[in-house]
Structures are given as structure tokens and as C-alpha cells.
C-alpha atoms as a PDB file:
ATOM      1  CA  MET A   1       0.989  -4.573   8.300  1.00  0.00           C
ATOM      2  CA  ALA A   2       1.253  -3.894  12.042  1.00  0.00           C
ATOM      3  CA  GLY A   3       3.782  -0.901  11.488  1.00  0.00           C
ATOM      4  CA  VAL A   4       1.145   0.184   9.082  1.00  0.00           C
ATOM      5  CA  LEU A   5      -1.101   0.573  11.407  1.00  0.00           C
ATOM      6  CA  ARG A   6       0.566   2.166  13.974  1.00  0.00           C
ATOM      7  CA  ALA A   7       1.400   4.980  10.706  1.00  0.00           C
ATOM      8  CA  GLY A   8      -1.549   5.817  11.137  1.00  0.00           C
ATOM      9  CA  TYR A   9      -3.070   3.963   7.926  1.00  0.00           C
ATOM     10  CA  THR A  10      -5.657   1.960   6.811  1.00  0.00           C
ATOM     11  CA  VAL A  11      -4.402  -1.576   5.309  1.00  0.00           C
ATOM     12  CA  PHE A  12      -6.665  -3.024   3.123  1.00  0.00           C
ATOM     13  CA  PRO A  13      -5.211  -6.273   1.370  1.00  0.00           C
ATOM     14  CA  ILE A  14      -6.239  -7.365  -2.290  1.00  0.00           C
ATOM     15  CA  SER A  15      -5.588 -10.212  -3.772  1.00  0.00           C
ATOM     16  CA  PRO A  16      -3.084 -11.006  -6.848  1.00  0.00           C
ATOM     17  CA  ARG A  17      -5.896 -13.328  -8.245  1.00  0.00           C
ATOM     18  CA  ASN A  18      -8.333  -9.802  -8.981  1.00  0.00           C
ATOM     19  CA  SER A  19      -7.880  -8.573 -12.197  1.00  0.00           C
ATOM     20  CA  PRO A  20      -6.668  -5.236 -12.939  1.00  0.00           C
ATOM     21  CA  GLN A  21     -10.262  -4.330 -13.898  1.00  0.00           C
ATOM     22  CA  ALA A  22     -11.654  -5.473  -9.910  1.00  0.00           C
ATOM     23  CA  ILE A  23      -8.116  -4.023  -8.201  1.00  0.00           C
ATOM     24  CA  ALA A  24      -9.264  -0.159 -10.099  1.00  0.00           C
ATOM     25  CA  HIS A  25     -12.373  -0.568  -8.550  1.00  0.00           C
ATOM     26  CA  LEU A  26     -11.100  -1.640  -5.342  1.00  0.00           C
ATOM     27  CA  LEU A  27      -8.886   0.968  -5.276  1.00  0.00           C
ATOM     28  CA  ASN A  28     -11.277   3.571  -6.616  1.00  0.00           C
ATOM     29  CA  LYS A  29     -14.274   2.579  -3.804  1.00  0.00           C
ATOM     30  CA  THR A  30     -12.202   2.899  -0.995  1.00  0.00           C
ATOM     31  CA  GLY A  31      -9.921   6.084  -1.713  1.00  0.00           C
ATOM     32  CA  ALA A  32      -6.521   4.594  -1.571  1.00  0.00           C
ATOM     33  CA  VAL A  33      -3.942   6.842  -1.434  1.00  0.00           C
ATOM     34  CA  HIS A  34      -0.940   3.594  -1.585  1.00  0.00           C
ATOM     35  CA  LEU A  35      -0.726   0.824  -3.483  1.00  0.00           C
ATOM     36  CA  PHE A  36       2.300  -1.784  -2.402  1.00  0.00           C
ATOM     37  CA  PHE A  37       3.696  -4.952  -4.128  1.00  0.00           C
ATOM     38  CA  SER A  38       6.084  -7.595  -3.606  1.00  0.00           C
ATOM     39  CA  GLY A  39       9.388  -7.346  -6.379  1.00  0.00           C
ATOM     40  CA  ASP A  40       7.763  -9.868  -8.156  1.00  0.00           C
ATOM     41  CA  SER A  41       7.236  -8.743 -11.637  1.00  0.00           C
ATOM     42  CA  GLN A  42       3.506 -10.445 -12.132  1.00  0.00           C
ATOM     43  CA  LEU A  43       2.592  -7.935  -8.953  1.00  0.00           C
ATOM     44  CA  TYR A  44       3.945  -5.171 -10.941  1.00  0.00           C
ATOM     45  CA  GLU A  45       2.436  -5.393 -14.394  1.00  0.00           C
ATOM     46  CA  LEU A  46      -0.946  -5.887 -12.293  1.00  0.00           C
ATOM     47  CA  ALA A  47      -0.298  -2.678  -9.884  1.00  0.00           C
ATOM     48  CA  CYS A  48       0.102  -1.391 -13.409  1.00  0.00           C
ATOM     49  CA  ALA A  49      -1.991  -1.887 -15.281  1.00  0.00           C
ATOM     50  CA  SER A  50      -4.806  -1.397 -12.007  1.00  0.00           C
ATOM     51  CA  ILE A  51      -3.806   2.309 -11.749  1.00  0.00           C
ATOM     52  CA  LYS A  52      -3.559   2.897 -15.228  1.00  0.00           C
ATOM     53  CA  LEU A  53      -7.299   1.675 -15.701  1.00  0.00           C
ATOM     54  CA  LEU A  54      -8.139   3.596 -11.933  1.00  0.00           C
ATOM     55  CA  GLN A  55      -6.741   6.968 -13.899  1.00  0.00           C
ATOM     56  CA  ALA A  56      -8.795   5.983 -16.818  1.00  0.00           C
ATOM     57  CA  ILE A  57     -12.078   6.092 -14.263  1.00  0.00           C
ATOM     58  CA  GLU A  58     -11.244   8.766 -12.358  1.00  0.00           C
ATOM     59  CA  GLU A  59      -8.884  11.934 -13.463  1.00  0.00           C
ATOM     60  CA  SER A  60      -8.081  12.914  -9.944  1.00  0.00           C
ATOM     61  CA  SER A  61      -6.741   9.846  -9.024  1.00  0.00           C
ATOM     62  CA  ALA A  62      -3.678  10.143  -7.306  1.00  0.00           C
ATOM     63  CA  VAL A  63      -2.632   6.256  -6.319  1.00  0.00           C
ATOM     64  CA  THR A  64       1.328   5.877  -5.615  1.00  0.00           C
ATOM     65  CA  ARG A  65       2.799   1.866  -6.642  1.00  0.00           C
ATOM     66  CA  TYR A  66       5.728   0.831  -3.939  1.00  0.00           C
ATOM     67  CA  GLU A  67       7.374  -1.790  -3.897  1.00  0.00           C
ATOM     68  CA  ILE A  68       7.644  -3.580  -0.587  1.00  0.00           C
ATOM     69  CA  PRO A  69      10.530  -2.987   0.422  1.00  0.00           C
ATOM     70  CA  VAL A  70      13.060  -5.505   1.725  1.00  0.00           C
ATOM     71  CA  PHE A  71      14.809  -5.816   5.125  1.00  0.00           C
ATOM     72  CA  ASP A  72      18.257  -4.892   3.553  1.00  0.00           C
ATOM     73  CA  ASP A  73      16.213  -1.681   2.411  1.00  0.00           C
ATOM     74  CA  LEU A  74      15.240  -1.099   5.562  1.00  0.00           C
ATOM     75  CA  PHE A  75      18.656  -1.957   7.161  1.00  0.00           C
ATOM     76  CA  PRO A  76      20.810  -1.469   4.865  1.00  0.00           C
ATOM     77  CA  PRO A  77      24.324  -2.326   5.518  1.00  0.00           C
ATOM     78  CA  ARG A  78      25.615   0.843   4.982  1.00  0.00           C
ATOM     79  CA  ALA A  79      22.777   3.452   5.853  1.00  0.00           C
ATOM     80  CA  ALA A  80      23.832   6.896   3.983  1.00  0.00           C
ATOM     81  CA  GLU A  81      23.599   5.063   0.986  1.00  0.00           C
ATOM     82  CA  SER A  82      20.068   3.435   0.965  1.00  0.00           C
ATOM     83  CA  SER A  83      17.453   4.432  -1.512  1.00  0.00           C
ATOM     84  CA  PHE A  84      14.512   3.728   0.708  1.00  0.00           C
ATOM     85  CA  LYS A  85      12.328   6.661   1.344  1.00  0.00           C
ATOM     86  CA  TRP A  86      10.507   6.944   5.191  1.00  0.00           C
ATOM     87  CA  PHE A  87       6.451   7.875   5.094  1.00  0.00           C
ATOM     88  CA  PRO A  88       6.421  11.423   7.149  1.00  0.00           C
ATOM     89  CA  LEU A  89       5.278  10.459  10.791  1.00  0.00           C
ATOM     90  CA  ARG A  90       2.485  10.774  11.828  1.00  0.00           C
ATOM     91  CA  CYS A  91       1.283  12.521  15.315  1.00  0.00           C
ATOM     92  CA  PHE A  92      -2.306  10.404  16.813  1.00  0.00           C
ATOM     93  CA  ASP A  93      -4.419  12.061  18.865  1.00  0.00           C
ATOM     94  CA  MET A  94      -4.846   8.836  21.906  1.00  0.00           C
ATOM     95  CA  GLU A  95      -7.890   9.484  22.590  1.00  0.00           C
ATOM     96  CA  MET A  96      -9.622   8.678  19.438  1.00  0.00           C
ATOM     97  CA  PRO A  97     -11.610   5.054  19.370  1.00  0.00           C
ATOM     98  CA  ALA A  98      -9.935   3.081  17.254  1.00  0.00           C
ATOM     99  CA  LEU A  99     -10.597  -0.274  15.056  1.00  0.00           C
ATOM    100  CA  ILE A 100      -7.926  -3.400  14.702  1.00  0.00           C
ATOM    101  CA  LEU A 101      -9.867  -5.913  12.509  1.00  0.00           C
ATOM    102  CA  HIS A 102      -8.354  -8.960  12.911  1.00  0.00           C
ATOM    103  CA  SER A 103      -8.886 -12.332  11.214  1.00  0.00           C
ATOM    104  CA  SER A 104      -8.659 -15.772  13.708  1.00  0.00           C
ATOM    105  CA  GLY A 105      -8.609 -17.564  11.363  1.00  0.00           C
ATOM    106  CA  LYS A 106     -11.521 -19.910  12.646  1.00  0.00           C
END
């Protein structure tokens, strides 16, 4: 998650216990453009159903699904053969205020 924050994106974890309707609502309200999920087939189906519902709610929705890369995707034995697509680098204004949310577990 820290790498995503460092790349300039906001992380909004969504529990897979939510229904597709609830996830579509959350994606719509937050204006999310990327949805990451693990390689589990049930989570893939949940992501697909959520995005389909979101597109029915808001036709201009542009949420893209991504399977979370695993170690071998990021550091392949033969890097030239990798199909992993990196996000473009973003420049930050280091003088701007920042908000980092952290849970101490208490």
C-alpha cells in the first residue's frame, strides 16, 4: 500500500464481504478509477459484477480492474518477457500538505 501512496494515488480498501451493489456505490461516491483485487476467482467475479453495476449507474464511469501483481510479476526471472504494465511516474509538489491515514490497531 505504501508504494501506491508514494505513486500519488489514494488507497481506499474495500472489504470483499460487501455486495457488488455496495462496492459499486462506494466506487461511484469516491470517484475511483482503479480497482485492484487478488487473483482469487471469487474476487474477480465480485470486481466484474461491481463494475458492471457501476456502469449501469453512471455511464461515464471509467473504473479499470487490475489483478494485484505477485512477486514474480514485479521481479520476473526474465524481465524482458514480463507482461506487467507499470503505471506512469507522477511528480509531486513536496511543499503541499499531505494526509496519511494510519491504524495503530488500538
